[in-house]
Protein backbone atom coordinates (compact mmCIF):
# COMPACT_ATOMS: atom_id res chain seq x y z
CA MET A 1 141.16 191.66 253.20
CA ARG A 2 139.87 190.16 249.99
CA ALA A 3 137.47 187.94 251.98
CA ALA A 4 136.22 190.97 253.92
CA LEU A 5 135.57 192.88 250.69
CA ILE A 6 133.64 189.95 249.18
CA ALA A 7 131.61 189.57 252.37
CA ALA A 8 130.81 193.29 252.40
CA LEU A 9 129.67 193.18 248.75
CA LEU A 10 127.50 190.10 249.38
CA TYR A 11 125.98 191.75 252.45
CA ALA A 12 125.26 194.96 250.54
CA GLY A 13 123.66 192.99 247.70
CA ALA A 14 121.49 191.01 250.09
CA CYS A 15 120.22 194.19 251.75
CA SER A 16 119.59 196.13 248.53
CA PRO A 17 116.14 196.20 246.99
CA PRO A 18 115.80 194.12 243.84
CA ALA A 19 116.44 195.86 240.57
CA ALA A 20 113.31 197.13 238.80
CA THR A 21 112.23 195.05 235.85
CA THR A 22 110.03 195.97 232.96
CA GLU A 23 108.84 192.41 232.39
CA ALA A 24 105.22 191.65 233.19
CA PRO A 25 104.72 189.08 235.92
CA ALA A 26 103.99 185.59 234.70
CA ALA A 27 100.29 184.77 234.45
CA VAL A 28 99.08 182.72 237.36
CA GLU A 29 96.71 179.96 236.34
CA PRO A 30 93.99 178.97 238.77
CA PRO A 31 94.37 175.54 240.28
CA PRO A 32 92.50 172.84 238.41
CA THR A 33 89.07 171.86 239.68
CA PRO A 34 89.54 168.70 241.71
CA SER A 35 87.94 165.57 240.33
CA PRO A 36 85.03 164.26 242.34
CA ASP A 37 85.65 161.16 244.42
CA ALA A 38 84.21 157.85 243.20
CA THR A 39 80.96 158.09 245.19
CA THR A 40 80.33 161.68 244.12
CA GLN A 41 81.01 160.73 240.50
CA THR A 42 78.57 157.82 240.78
CA LEU A 43 75.88 160.16 242.13
CA LEU A 44 76.53 162.69 239.35
CA ASN A 45 76.35 159.89 236.76
CA ILE A 46 72.89 159.01 238.06
CA LEU A 47 71.63 162.59 238.30
CA THR A 48 72.99 163.95 235.01
CA PRO A 49 70.73 162.01 232.60
CA LEU A 50 67.72 162.61 234.87
CA THR A 51 68.44 166.34 234.88
CA SER A 52 69.19 166.41 231.13
CA ALA A 53 65.83 164.78 230.40
CA GLU A 54 63.97 167.30 232.54
CA VAL A 55 65.88 170.28 231.15
CA GLY A 56 65.52 168.98 227.59
CA LYS A 57 69.16 169.20 226.58
CA PRO A 58 72.49 167.70 227.62
CA VAL A 59 73.77 169.17 230.87
CA SER A 60 76.70 168.77 233.20
CA LEU A 61 76.59 169.02 236.97
CA ARG A 62 79.23 170.78 239.06
CA PRO A 63 78.88 169.71 242.69
CA ASN A 64 78.72 172.43 245.32
CA THR A 65 77.96 170.16 248.27
CA VAL A 66 77.77 166.39 248.42
CA THR A 67 76.99 164.75 251.75
CA VAL A 68 77.07 160.97 252.00
CA ARG A 69 76.42 159.17 255.26
CA ASP A 70 75.28 155.62 255.79
CA GLU A 71 72.70 154.91 253.09
CA TRP A 72 71.89 158.59 252.43
CA ALA A 73 73.29 161.08 249.93
CA TYR A 74 72.39 164.72 249.37
CA VAL A 75 73.69 166.56 246.31
CA ASP A 76 73.62 170.29 245.70
CA ALA A 77 75.08 170.97 242.24
CA ALA A 78 75.14 173.69 239.62
CA VAL A 79 73.36 172.78 236.39
CA LEU A 80 75.44 173.81 233.38
CA ASN A 81 75.50 173.18 229.66
CA ALA A 82 77.29 169.98 228.67
CA ASP A 83 80.42 172.02 227.87
CA GLY A 84 80.42 173.55 231.37
CA SER A 85 79.17 176.99 230.32
CA ALA A 86 76.26 178.77 231.98
CA ILE A 87 72.90 177.48 230.89
CA ASP A 88 70.37 179.75 229.18
CA TRP A 89 67.15 178.58 230.80
CA SER A 90 65.07 180.24 228.07
CA THR A 91 66.33 177.52 225.67
CA THR A 92 65.19 174.63 227.86
CA ASN A 93 62.02 172.73 228.70
CA LEU A 94 61.89 174.88 231.83
CA ALA A 95 61.79 178.21 229.94
CA SER A 96 58.24 179.04 230.99
CA ALA A 97 58.96 178.41 234.67
CA TYR A 98 62.14 180.49 234.42
CA GLU A 99 60.44 183.37 232.60
CA ASN A 100 57.61 183.39 235.16
CA GLY A 101 60.04 183.61 238.10
CA ALA A 102 59.32 180.09 239.33
CA MET A 103 63.02 179.16 239.18
CA ASP A 104 66.10 180.42 240.96
CA SER A 105 68.32 182.09 238.38
CA GLY A 106 71.33 180.21 239.81
CA GLY A 107 69.89 177.00 238.47
CA GLY A 108 70.97 174.57 241.17
CA LEU A 109 70.00 170.93 241.50
CA HIS A 110 69.13 169.52 244.91
CA ALA A 111 68.71 165.76 245.18
CA LEU A 112 68.22 163.15 247.88
CA LEU A 113 69.34 159.61 247.12
CA LYS A 114 69.24 156.43 249.15
CA ASN A 115 71.47 153.41 248.70
CA GLU A 116 69.16 150.41 248.55
CA ALA A 117 70.98 147.07 248.38
CA GLY A 118 74.01 148.65 246.71
CA THR A 119 72.08 150.80 244.22
CA TRP A 120 71.61 154.54 244.58
CA VAL A 121 67.95 155.50 244.09
CA VAL A 122 66.81 159.09 243.56
CA LEU A 123 64.05 159.77 246.10
CA GLU A 124 63.60 163.49 245.50
CA HIS A 125 65.09 166.20 243.32
CA ALA A 126 64.42 169.84 242.52
CA ILE A 127 65.95 171.97 239.79
CA ALA A 128 66.45 175.65 240.59
CA PRO A 129 63.83 175.92 243.33
CA THR A 130 63.03 179.41 244.56
CA ASP A 131 62.60 178.14 248.11
CA VAL A 132 64.05 175.38 250.28
CA ALA A 133 62.32 172.56 248.41
CA TRP A 134 64.17 169.94 250.46
CA ILE A 135 62.94 171.23 253.83
CA ASP A 136 60.39 168.42 254.28
CA TRP A 137 62.53 165.63 252.81
CA ALA A 138 63.89 164.76 256.27
CA SER A 139 60.48 164.13 257.81
CA HIS A 140 59.08 162.50 254.68
CA HIS A 141 61.97 160.05 254.18
CA GLY A 142 63.49 159.76 257.67
CA VAL A 143 66.85 161.18 256.60
CA PRO A 144 68.78 163.05 259.32
CA PRO A 145 68.20 166.79 258.68
CA ASP A 146 71.90 167.68 258.92
CA ILE A 147 72.61 165.56 255.83
CA LEU A 148 70.38 168.00 253.94
CA GLY A 149 72.15 170.96 255.52
CA LEU A 150 69.17 171.63 257.75
CA PRO A 151 69.25 172.16 261.52
CA SER A 152 68.08 169.31 263.73
CA ASN A 153 64.87 170.08 265.58
């Protein structure tokens, strides 16, 4: 009888809704941004000083898309301040282009690199283009269009 009573109480407890609480739910932290793989990091290490020089201040690059195949690499990355915050283009060497609408407000970097004898060489790059600046890179350099995210003809 005692066992039946305990079983009935356990069953009733399992079927009952949980008691209301007044505690706030614990804050959920977003997952950390994954670290780039070694090749991506190498490409970013090459492109960051180039981009910083053109922008006129230290920047950091956050990759959106990195495609590496054979000797080719295509990087699409956000250009940010060195601390990772959004860049104010009006405080850069590109202020005039930005203010005249000649730059995409998203401020992305697009770059084509080729591995020549073990060294990545920047063949083309564009900072915040307002159009698809890399559309002719495939025909000009012989890179497969899909590496650049373009359809094959």
